[in-house]
């Protein structure tokens, strides 16, 4: 009997603020902008994509696109998404 595998959805595993912080810090350490956008999409999905889109001022579909491999969001959009997710951008020497 062959067992069907289910697609992994990271947003289902981001339940607490600590989990979100650990996840995002790990992603940031990779230095990959596409991975960062995808991670912000995971977090937005975990927190209610429609609500985040309203707070950012774009459609839900527009937010999905911006935070996917098909999108190319401006820094302003990324910054607004981070604000809507209650995430701060902090700078420190490496």
PDB file of N, CA and C in Angstrom:
ATOM      1  N   UNK A   1       0.840  -1.176   0.000  1.00  0.00           N
ATOM      2  CA  UNK A   1       0.000   0.000   0.000  1.00  0.00           C
ATOM      3  C   UNK A   1       0.892   1.249   0.000  1.00  0.00           C
ATOM      4  N   UNK A   2       0.622   2.151  -0.916  1.00  0.00           N
ATOM      5  CA  UNK A   2       1.388   3.383  -1.030  1.00  0.00           C
ATOM      6  C   UNK A   2       0.691   4.470  -0.221  1.00  0.00           C
ATOM      7  N   UNK A   3       1.471   5.121   0.641  1.00  0.00           N
ATOM      8  CA  UNK A   3       0.919   6.193   1.457  1.00  0.00           C
ATOM      9  C   UNK A   3       1.180   7.531   0.777  1.00  0.00           C
ATOM     10  N   UNK A   4       0.166   8.365   0.713  1.00  0.00           N
ATOM     11  CA  UNK A   4       0.290   9.665   0.060  1.00  0.00           C
ATOM     12  C   UNK A   4       0.992  10.651   0.996  1.00  0.00           C
ATOM     13  N   UNK A   5       1.983  11.362   0.449  1.00  0.00           N
ATOM     14  CA  UNK A   5       2.669  12.393   1.209  1.00  0.00           C
ATOM     15  C   UNK A   5       1.930  13.715   1.050  1.00  0.00           C
ATOM     16  N   UNK A   6       1.885  14.482   2.100  1.00  0.00           N
ATOM     17  CA  UNK A   6       1.230  15.783   2.065  1.00  0.00           C
ATOM     18  C   UNK A   6       2.274  16.875   1.897  1.00  0.00           C
ATOM     19  N   UNK A   7       1.883  17.954   1.222  1.00  0.00           N
ATOM     20  CA  UNK A   7       2.775  19.095   1.065  1.00  0.00           C
ATOM     21  C   UNK A   7       3.045  19.716   2.433  1.00  0.00           C
ATOM     22  N   UNK A   8       4.291  20.122   2.648  1.00  0.00           N
ATOM     23  CA  UNK A   8       4.670  20.778   3.895  1.00  0.00           C
ATOM     24  C   UNK A   8       4.294  22.248   3.813  1.00  0.00           C
ATOM     25  N   UNK A   9       3.627  22.750   4.822  1.00  0.00           N
ATOM     26  CA  UNK A   9       3.230  24.154   4.885  1.00  0.00           C
ATOM     27  C   UNK A   9       3.786  24.743   6.178  1.00  0.00           C
ATOM     28  N   UNK A  10       4.853  25.530   6.051  1.00  0.00           N
ATOM     29  CA  UNK A  10       5.524  26.090   7.222  1.00  0.00           C
ATOM     30  C   UNK A  10       4.585  26.933   8.068  1.00  0.00           C
ATOM     31  N   UNK A  11       3.630  27.592   7.437  1.00  0.00           N
ATOM     32  CA  UNK A  11       2.731  28.474   8.190  1.00  0.00           C
ATOM     33  C   UNK A  11       1.952  27.722   9.268  1.00  0.00           C
ATOM     34  N   UNK A  12       1.751  26.434   9.078  1.00  0.00           N
ATOM     35  CA  UNK A  12       1.034  25.630  10.066  1.00  0.00           C
ATOM     36  C   UNK A  12       1.871  25.365  11.313  1.00  0.00           C
ATOM     37  N   UNK A  13       3.165  25.659  11.242  1.00  0.00           N
ATOM     38  CA  UNK A  13       4.075  25.382  12.357  1.00  0.00           C
ATOM     39  C   UNK A  13       4.543  26.653  13.055  1.00  0.00           C
ATOM     40  N   UNK A  14       4.015  27.789  12.656  1.00  0.00           N
ATOM     41  CA  UNK A  14       4.392  29.071  13.255  1.00  0.00           C
ATOM     42  C   UNK A  14       3.268  29.522  14.179  1.00  0.00           C
ATOM     43  N   UNK A  15       3.261  28.983  15.380  1.00  0.00           N
ATOM     44  CA  UNK A  15       2.149  29.223  16.302  1.00  0.00           C
ATOM     45  C   UNK A  15       2.434  30.318  17.323  1.00  0.00           C
ATOM     46  N   UNK A  16       3.702  30.482  17.696  1.00  0.00           N
ATOM     47  CA  UNK A  16       4.039  31.445  18.745  1.00  0.00           C
ATOM     48  C   UNK A  16       4.978  32.522  18.204  1.00  0.00           C
ATOM     49  N   UNK A  17       5.055  33.620  18.945  1.00  0.00           N
ATOM     50  CA  UNK A  17       5.977  34.697  18.572  1.00  0.00           C
ATOM     51  C   UNK A  17       7.420  34.193  18.578  1.00  0.00           C
ATOM     52  N   UNK A  18       7.744  33.330  19.525  1.00  0.00           N
ATOM     53  CA  UNK A  18       9.105  32.787  19.600  1.00  0.00           C
ATOM     54  C   UNK A  18       9.425  31.933  18.374  1.00  0.00           C
ATOM     55  N   UNK A  19       8.490  31.100  17.949  1.00  0.00           N
ATOM     56  CA  UNK A  19       8.710  30.282  16.753  1.00  0.00           C
ATOM     57  C   UNK A  19       8.911  31.163  15.523  1.00  0.00           C
ATOM     58  N   UNK A  20       8.126  32.227  15.424  1.00  0.00           N
ATOM     59  CA  UNK A  20       8.254  33.144  14.292  1.00  0.00           C
ATOM     60  C   UNK A  20       9.607  33.839  14.322  1.00  0.00           C
ATOM     61  N   UNK A  21      10.023  34.297  15.488  1.00  0.00           N
ATOM     62  CA  UNK A  21      11.309  34.976  15.625  1.00  0.00           C
ATOM     63  C   UNK A  21      12.466  34.045  15.270  1.00  0.00           C
ATOM     64  N   UNK A  22      12.454  32.840  15.790  1.00  0.00           N
ATOM     65  CA  UNK A  22      13.519  31.879  15.488  1.00  0.00           C
ATOM     66  C   UNK A  22      13.561  31.563  13.994  1.00  0.00           C
ATOM     67  N   UNK A  23      12.406  31.354  13.409  1.00  0.00           N
ATOM     68  CA  UNK A  23      12.311  31.047  11.978  1.00  0.00           C
ATOM     69  C   UNK A  23      12.870  32.190  11.139  1.00  0.00           C
ATOM     70  N   UNK A  24      12.424  33.403  11.415  1.00  0.00           N
ATOM     71  CA  UNK A  24      12.859  34.544  10.614  1.00  0.00           C
ATOM     72  C   UNK A  24      14.349  34.827  10.797  1.00  0.00           C
ATOM     73  N   UNK A  25      14.862  34.708  12.009  1.00  0.00           N
ATOM     74  CA  UNK A  25      16.300  34.911  12.229  1.00  0.00           C
ATOM     75  C   UNK A  25      17.126  33.877  11.480  1.00  0.00           C
ATOM     76  N   UNK A  26      16.659  32.648  11.440  1.00  0.00           N
ATOM     77  CA  UNK A  26      17.376  31.608  10.688  1.00  0.00           C
ATOM     78  C   UNK A  26      17.369  31.929   9.195  1.00  0.00           C
ATOM     79  N   UNK A  27      16.227  32.355   8.694  1.00  0.00           N
ATOM     80  CA  UNK A  27      16.119  32.724   7.280  1.00  0.00           C
ATOM     81  C   UNK A  27      17.037  33.898   6.961  1.00  0.00           C
ATOM     82  N   UNK A  28      17.047  34.912   7.823  1.00  0.00           N
ATOM     83  CA  UNK A  28      17.905  36.078   7.604  1.00  0.00           C
ATOM     84  C   UNK A  28      19.380  35.696   7.572  1.00  0.00           C
ATOM     85  N   UNK A  29      19.766  34.709   8.359  1.00  0.00           N
ATOM     86  CA  UNK A  29      21.173  34.288   8.393  1.00  0.00           C
ATOM     87  C   UNK A  29      21.611  33.661   7.073  1.00  0.00           C
ATOM     88  N   UNK A  30      20.647  33.222   6.264  1.00  0.00           N
ATOM     89  CA  UNK A  30      20.962  32.624   4.962  1.00  0.00           C
ATOM     90  C   UNK A  30      21.348  33.683   3.926  1.00  0.00           C
ATOM     91  N   UNK A  31      20.878  34.914   4.104  1.00  0.00           N
ATOM     92  CA  UNK A  31      21.214  35.994   3.186  1.00  0.00           C
ATOM     93  C   UNK A  31      20.580  35.883   1.811  1.00  0.00           C
ATOM     94  N   UNK A  32      19.430  35.242   1.725  1.00  0.00           N
ATOM     95  CA  UNK A  32      18.744  35.019   0.445  1.00  0.00           C
ATOM     96  C   UNK A  32      17.428  35.791   0.444  1.00  0.00           C
ATOM     97  N   UNK A  33      17.322  36.807  -0.409  1.00  0.00           N
ATOM     98  CA  UNK A  33      16.138  37.664  -0.433  1.00  0.00           C
ATOM     99  C   UNK A  33      14.874  36.895  -0.813  1.00  0.00           C
ATOM    100  N   UNK A  34      14.969  35.964  -1.745  1.00  0.00           N
ATOM    101  CA  UNK A  34      13.788  35.181  -2.134  1.00  0.00           C
ATOM    102  C   UNK A  34      13.300  34.323  -0.973  1.00  0.00           C
ATOM    103  N   UNK A  35      14.236  33.769  -0.218  1.00  0.00           N
ATOM    104  CA  UNK A  35      13.889  32.972   0.955  1.00  0.00           C
ATOM    105  C   UNK A  35      13.238  33.857   2.019  1.00  0.00           C
ATOM    106  N   UNK A  36      13.750  35.076   2.177  1.00  0.00           N
ATOM    107  CA  UNK A  36      13.163  36.015   3.135  1.00  0.00           C
ATOM    108  C   UNK A  36      11.729  36.361   2.749  1.00  0.00           C
ATOM    109  N   UNK A  37      11.499  36.652   1.481  1.00  0.00           N
ATOM    110  CA  UNK A  37      10.145  36.979   1.028  1.00  0.00           C
ATOM    111  C   UNK A  37       9.200  35.805   1.253  1.00  0.00           C
ATOM    112  N   UNK A  38       9.674  34.608   0.967  1.00  0.00           N
ATOM    113  CA  UNK A  38       8.866  33.409   1.182  1.00  0.00           C
ATOM    114  C   UNK A  38       8.547  33.235   2.668  1.00  0.00           C
ATOM    115  N   UNK A  39       9.529  33.488   3.524  1.00  0.00           N
ATOM    116  CA  UNK A  39       9.321  33.366   4.969  1.00  0.00           C
ATOM    117  C   UNK A  39       8.302  34.391   5.460  1.00  0.00           C
ATOM    118  N   UNK A  40       8.388  35.619   4.954  1.00  0.00           N
ATOM    119  CA  UNK A  40       7.391  36.622   5.326  1.00  0.00           C
ATOM    120  C   UNK A  40       6.002  36.182   4.870  1.00  0.00           C
ATOM    121  N   UNK A  41       5.928  35.521   3.720  1.00  0.00           N
ATOM    122  CA  UNK A  41       4.660  34.968   3.252  1.00  0.00           C
ATOM    123  C   UNK A  41       4.142  33.886   4.181  1.00  0.00           C
ATOM    124  N   UNK A  42       5.038  33.027   4.660  1.00  0.00           N
ATOM    125  CA  UNK A  42       4.643  31.984   5.619  1.00  0.00           C
ATOM    126  C   UNK A  42       4.076  32.609   6.892  1.00  0.00           C
ATOM    127  N   UNK A  43       4.756  33.645   7.377  1.00  0.00           N
ATOM    128  CA  UNK A  43       4.319  34.301   8.609  1.00  0.00           C
ATOM    129  C   UNK A  43       2.986  35.010   8.383  1.00  0.00           C
ATOM    130  N   UNK A  44       2.848  35.694   7.253  1.00  0.00           N
ATOM    131  CA  UNK A  44       1.585  36.371   6.936  1.00  0.00           C
ATOM    132  C   UNK A  44       0.443  35.365   6.839  1.00  0.00           C
ATOM    133  N   UNK A  45       0.712  34.220   6.245  1.00  0.00           N
ATOM    134  CA  UNK A  45      -0.317  33.180   6.125  1.00  0.00           C
ATOM    135  C   UNK A  45      -0.696  32.649   7.506  1.00  0.00           C
ATOM    136  N   UNK A  46       0.293  32.485   8.374  1.00  0.00           N
ATOM    137  CA  UNK A  46       0.029  31.994   9.725  1.00  0.00           C
ATOM    138  C   UNK A  46      -0.804  32.989  10.529  1.00  0.00           C
ATOM    139  N   UNK A  47      -0.678  34.264  10.204  1.00  0.00           N
ATOM    140  CA  UNK A  47      -1.358  35.317  10.971  1.00  0.00           C
ATOM    141  C   UNK A  47      -2.625  35.844  10.300  1.00  0.00           C
ATOM    142  N   UNK A  48      -2.975  35.372   9.145  1.00  0.00           N
ATOM    143  CA  UNK A  48      -4.172  35.772   8.392  1.00  0.00           C
ATOM    144  C   UNK A  48      -3.787  36.705   7.248  1.00  0.00           C
ATOM    145  N   UNK A  49      -3.545  36.109   6.116  1.00  0.00           N
ATOM    146  CA  UNK A  49      -3.074  36.821   4.926  1.00  0.00           C
ATOM    147  C   UNK A  49      -4.008  37.965   4.532  1.00  0.00           C
ATOM    148  N   UNK A  50      -5.310  37.755   4.602  1.00  0.00           N
ATOM    149  CA  UNK A  50      -6.269  38.802   4.209  1.00  0.00           C
ATOM    150  C   UNK A  50      -6.150  40.029   5.102  1.00  0.00           C
ATOM    151  N   UNK A  51      -6.027  39.815   6.392  1.00  0.00           N
ATOM    152  CA  UNK A  51      -5.897  40.927   7.329  1.00  0.00           C
ATOM    153  C   UNK A  51      -4.589  41.680   7.094  1.00  0.00           C
ATOM    154  N   UNK A  52      -3.494  40.959   6.884  1.00  0.00           N
ATOM    155  CA  UNK A  52      -2.197  41.592   6.630  1.00  0.00           C
ATOM    156  C   UNK A  52      -2.271  42.409   5.344  1.00  0.00           C
ATOM    157  N   UNK A  53      -2.890  41.856   4.308  1.00  0.00           N
ATOM    158  CA  UNK A  53      -3.019  42.574   3.034  1.00  0.00           C
ATOM    159  C   UNK A  53      -3.786  43.883   3.224  1.00  0.00           C
ATOM    160  N   UNK A  54      -4.863  43.848   4.001  1.00  0.00           N
ATOM    161  CA  UNK A  54      -5.637  45.073   4.269  1.00  0.00           C
ATOM    162  C   UNK A  54      -4.771  46.113   4.978  1.00  0.00           C
ATOM    163  N   UNK A  55      -3.990  45.670   5.955  1.00  0.00           N
ATOM    164  CA  UNK A  55      -3.130  46.597   6.702  1.00  0.00           C
ATOM    165  C   UNK A  55      -2.041  47.193   5.812  1.00  0.00           C
ATOM    166  N   UNK A  56      -1.550  46.408   4.861  1.00  0.00           N
ATOM    167  CA  UNK A  56      -0.505  46.878   3.950  1.00  0.00           C
ATOM    168  C   UNK A  56      -1.104  47.775   2.867  1.00  0.00           C
ATOM    169  N   UNK A  57      -2.375  47.535   2.533  1.00  0.00           N
ATOM    170  CA  UNK A  57      -3.044  48.344   1.520  1.00  0.00           C
ATOM    171  C   UNK A  57      -2.990  47.756   0.125  1.00  0.00           C
ATOM    172  N   UNK A  58      -2.875  46.425   0.043  1.00  0.00           N
ATOM    173  CA  UNK A  58      -2.915  45.745  -1.250  1.00  0.00           C
ATOM    174  C   UNK A  58      -3.886  44.575  -1.154  1.00  0.00           C
ATOM    175  N   UNK A  59      -4.192  43.977  -2.296  1.00  0.00           N
ATOM    176  CA  UNK A  59      -5.101  42.829  -2.289  1.00  0.00           C
ATOM    177  C   UNK A  59      -4.391  41.602  -1.727  1.00  0.00           C
ATOM    178  N   UNK A  60      -5.189  40.652  -1.298  1.00  0.00           N
ATOM    179  CA  UNK A  60      -4.623  39.397  -0.797  1.00  0.00           C
ATOM    180  C   UNK A  60      -3.808  38.727  -1.889  1.00  0.00           C
ATOM    181  N   UNK A  61      -4.346  38.726  -3.113  1.00  0.00           N
ATOM    182  CA  UNK A  61      -3.634  38.122  -4.240  1.00  0.00           C
ATOM    183  C   UNK A  61      -2.327  38.862  -4.515  1.00  0.00           C
ATOM    184  N   UNK A  62      -2.365  40.192  -4.400  1.00  0.00           N
ATOM    185  CA  UNK A  62      -1.161  40.993  -4.592  1.00  0.00           C
ATOM    186  C   UNK A  62      -0.104  40.687  -3.552  1.00  0.00           C
ATOM    187  N   UNK A  63      -0.552  40.450  -2.318  1.00  0.00           N
ATOM    188  CA  UNK A  63       0.395  40.114  -1.251  1.00  0.00           C
ATOM    189  C   UNK A  63       1.002  38.739  -1.486  1.00  0.00           C
ATOM    190  N   UNK A  64       0.157  37.762  -1.874  1.00  0.00           N
ATOM    191  CA  UNK A  64       0.690  36.437  -2.203  1.00  0.00           C
ATOM    192  C   UNK A  64       1.753  36.551  -3.295  1.00  0.00           C
ATOM    193  N   UNK A  65       1.463  37.326  -4.333  1.00  0.00           N
ATOM    194  CA  UNK A  65       2.406  37.471  -5.442  1.00  0.00           C
ATOM    195  C   UNK A  65       3.687  38.161  -4.985  1.00  0.00           C
ATOM    196  N   UNK A  66       3.548  39.237  -4.206  1.00  0.00           N
ATOM    197  CA  UNK A  66       4.720  39.986  -3.743  1.00  0.00           C
ATOM    198  C   UNK A  66       5.662  39.120  -2.921  1.00  0.00           C
ATOM    199  N   UNK A  67       5.099  38.184  -2.163  1.00  0.00           N
ATOM    200  CA  UNK A  67       5.909  37.359  -1.266  1.00  0.00           C
ATOM    201  C   UNK A  67       6.196  35.975  -1.841  1.00  0.00           C
ATOM    202  N   UNK A  68       6.079  35.859  -3.155  1.00  0.00           N
ATOM    203  CA  UNK A  68       6.381  34.589  -3.822  1.00  0.00           C
ATOM    204  C   UNK A  68       7.552  34.787  -4.774  1.00  0.00           C
ATOM    205  N   UNK A  69       7.959  33.744  -5.414  1.00  0.00           N
ATOM    206  CA  UNK A  69       9.031  33.814  -6.398  1.00  0.00           C
ATOM    207  C   UNK A  69       8.648  34.617  -7.629  1.00  0.00           C
ATOM    208  N   UNK A  70       7.357  34.851  -7.829  1.00  0.00           N
ATOM    209  CA  UNK A  70       6.880  35.601  -8.997  1.00  0.00           C
ATOM    210  C   UNK A  70       6.877  37.104  -8.752  1.00  0.00           C
ATOM    211  N   UNK A  71       7.008  37.501  -7.507  1.00  0.00           N
ATOM    212  CA  UNK A  71       6.903  38.913  -7.174  1.00  0.00           C
ATOM    213  C   UNK A  71       8.253  39.601  -7.098  1.00  0.00           C
ATOM    214  N   UNK A  72       8.206  40.907  -7.139  1.00  0.00           N
ATOM    215  CA  UNK A  72       9.401  41.729  -6.982  1.00  0.00           C
ATOM    216  C   UNK A  72       8.981  42.976  -6.204  1.00  0.00           C
ATOM    217  N   UNK A  73       8.661  42.793  -4.905  1.00  0.00           N
ATOM    218  CA  UNK A  73       8.117  43.913  -4.142  1.00  0.00           C
ATOM    219  C   UNK A  73       9.164  44.995  -3.885  1.00  0.00           C
ATOM    220  N   UNK A  74       8.680  46.209  -3.713  1.00  0.00           N
ATOM    221  CA  UNK A  74       9.572  47.293  -3.326  1.00  0.00           C
ATOM    222  C   UNK A  74       9.947  47.120  -1.858  1.00  0.00           C
ATOM    223  N   UNK A  75      11.006  47.819  -1.456  1.00  0.00           N
ATOM    224  CA  UNK A  75      11.376  47.776  -0.044  1.00  0.00           C
ATOM    225  C   UNK A  75      10.243  48.336   0.806  1.00  0.00           C
ATOM    226  N   UNK A  76       9.562  49.352   0.297  1.00  0.00           N
ATOM    227  CA  UNK A  76       8.447  49.944   1.035  1.00  0.00           C
ATOM    228  C   UNK A  76       7.367  48.905   1.323  1.00  0.00           C
ATOM    229  N   UNK A  77       7.072  48.061   0.350  1.00  0.00           N
ATOM    230  CA  UNK A  77       6.067  47.011   0.555  1.00  0.00           C
ATOM    231  C   UNK A  77       6.544  46.011   1.598  1.00  0.00           C
ATOM    232  N   UNK A  78       7.792  45.584   1.487  1.00  0.00           N
ATOM    233  CA  UNK A  78       8.346  44.634   2.461  1.00  0.00           C
ATOM    234  C   UNK A  78       8.312  45.253   3.856  1.00  0.00           C
ATOM    235  N   UNK A  79       8.673  46.514   3.960  1.00  0.00           N
ATOM    236  CA  UNK A  79       8.675  47.202   5.249  1.00  0.00           C
ATOM    237  C   UNK A  79       7.258  47.275   5.823  1.00  0.00           C
ATOM    238  N   UNK A  80       6.265  47.586   4.986  1.00  0.00           N
ATOM    239  CA  UNK A  80       4.871  47.638   5.436  1.00  0.00           C
ATOM    240  C   UNK A  80       4.393  46.265   5.905  1.00  0.00           C
ATOM    241  N   UNK A  81       4.806  45.218   5.190  1.00  0.00           N
ATOM    242  CA  UNK A  81       4.441  43.854   5.598  1.00  0.00           C
ATOM    243  C   UNK A  81       5.033  43.560   6.969  1.00  0.00           C
ATOM    244  N   UNK A  82       6.301  43.909   7.156  1.00  0.00           N
ATOM    245  CA  UNK A  82       6.940  43.661   8.452  1.00  0.00           C
ATOM    246  C   UNK A  82       6.233  44.431   9.562  1.00  0.00           C
ATOM    247  N   UNK A  83       5.835  45.673   9.292  1.00  0.00           N
ATOM    248  CA  UNK A  83       5.098  46.445  10.292  1.00  0.00           C
ATOM    249  C   UNK A  83       3.757  45.785  10.612  1.00  0.00           C
ATOM    250  N   UNK A  84       3.044  45.339   9.593  1.00  0.00           N
ATOM    251  CA  UNK A  84       1.748  44.684   9.798  1.00  0.00           C
ATOM    252  C   UNK A  84       1.901  43.394  10.594  1.00  0.00           C
ATOM    253  N   UNK A  85       3.063  42.753  10.465  1.00  0.00           N
ATOM    254  CA  UNK A  85       3.336  41.516  11.200  1.00  0.00           C
ATOM    255  C   UNK A  85       3.942  41.789  12.578  1.00  0.00           C
ATOM    256  N   UNK A  86       4.065  43.070  12.938  1.00  0.00           N
ATOM    257  CA  UNK A  86       4.688  43.479  14.202  1.00  0.00           C
ATOM    258  C   UNK A  86       6.123  42.982  14.322  1.00  0.00           C
ATOM    259  N   UNK A  87       6.845  43.053  13.205  1.00  0.00           N
ATOM    260  CA  UNK A  87       8.247  42.657  13.177  1.00  0.00           C
ATOM    261  C   UNK A  87       9.098  43.905  13.010  1.00  0.00           C
ATOM    262  N   UNK A  88      10.197  43.983  13.757  1.00  0.00           N
ATOM    263  CA  UNK A  88      11.110  45.120  13.676  1.00  0.00           C
ATOM    264  C   UNK A  88      12.355  44.732  12.912  1.00  0.00           C
ATOM    265  N   UNK A  89      12.894  45.694  12.198  1.00  0.00           N
ATOM    266  CA  UNK A  89      14.154  45.517  11.495  1.00  0.00           C
ATOM    267  C   UNK A  89      15.233  46.117  12.383  1.00  0.00           C
ATOM    268  N   UNK A  90      16.229  45.318  12.747  1.00  0.00           N
ATOM    269  CA  UNK A  90      17.288  45.766  13.641  1.00  0.00           C
ATOM    270  C   UNK A  90      18.626  45.592  12.947  1.00  0.00           C
ATOM    271  N   UNK A  91      19.485  46.593  13.078  1.00  0.00           N
ATOM    272  CA  UNK A  91      20.793  46.542  12.430  1.00  0.00           C
ATOM    273  C   UNK A  91      21.871  46.426  13.497  1.00  0.00           C
ATOM    274  N   UNK A  92      22.825  45.521  13.274  1.00  0.00           N
ATOM    275  CA  UNK A  92      23.980  45.398  14.157  1.00  0.00           C
ATOM    276  C   UNK A  92      25.152  44.904  13.333  1.00  0.00           C
ATOM    277  N   UNK A  93      26.348  45.153  13.815  1.00  0.00           N
ATOM    278  CA  UNK A  93      27.546  44.701  13.109  1.00  0.00           C
ATOM    279  C   UNK A  93      27.612  43.182  13.128  1.00  0.00           C
ATOM    280  N   UNK A  94      28.049  42.624  12.010  1.00  0.00           N
ATOM    281  CA  UNK A  94      28.140  41.163  11.889  1.00  0.00           C
ATOM    282  C   UNK A  94      29.347  40.633  12.635  1.00  0.00           C
TER     283      UNK A  94
END
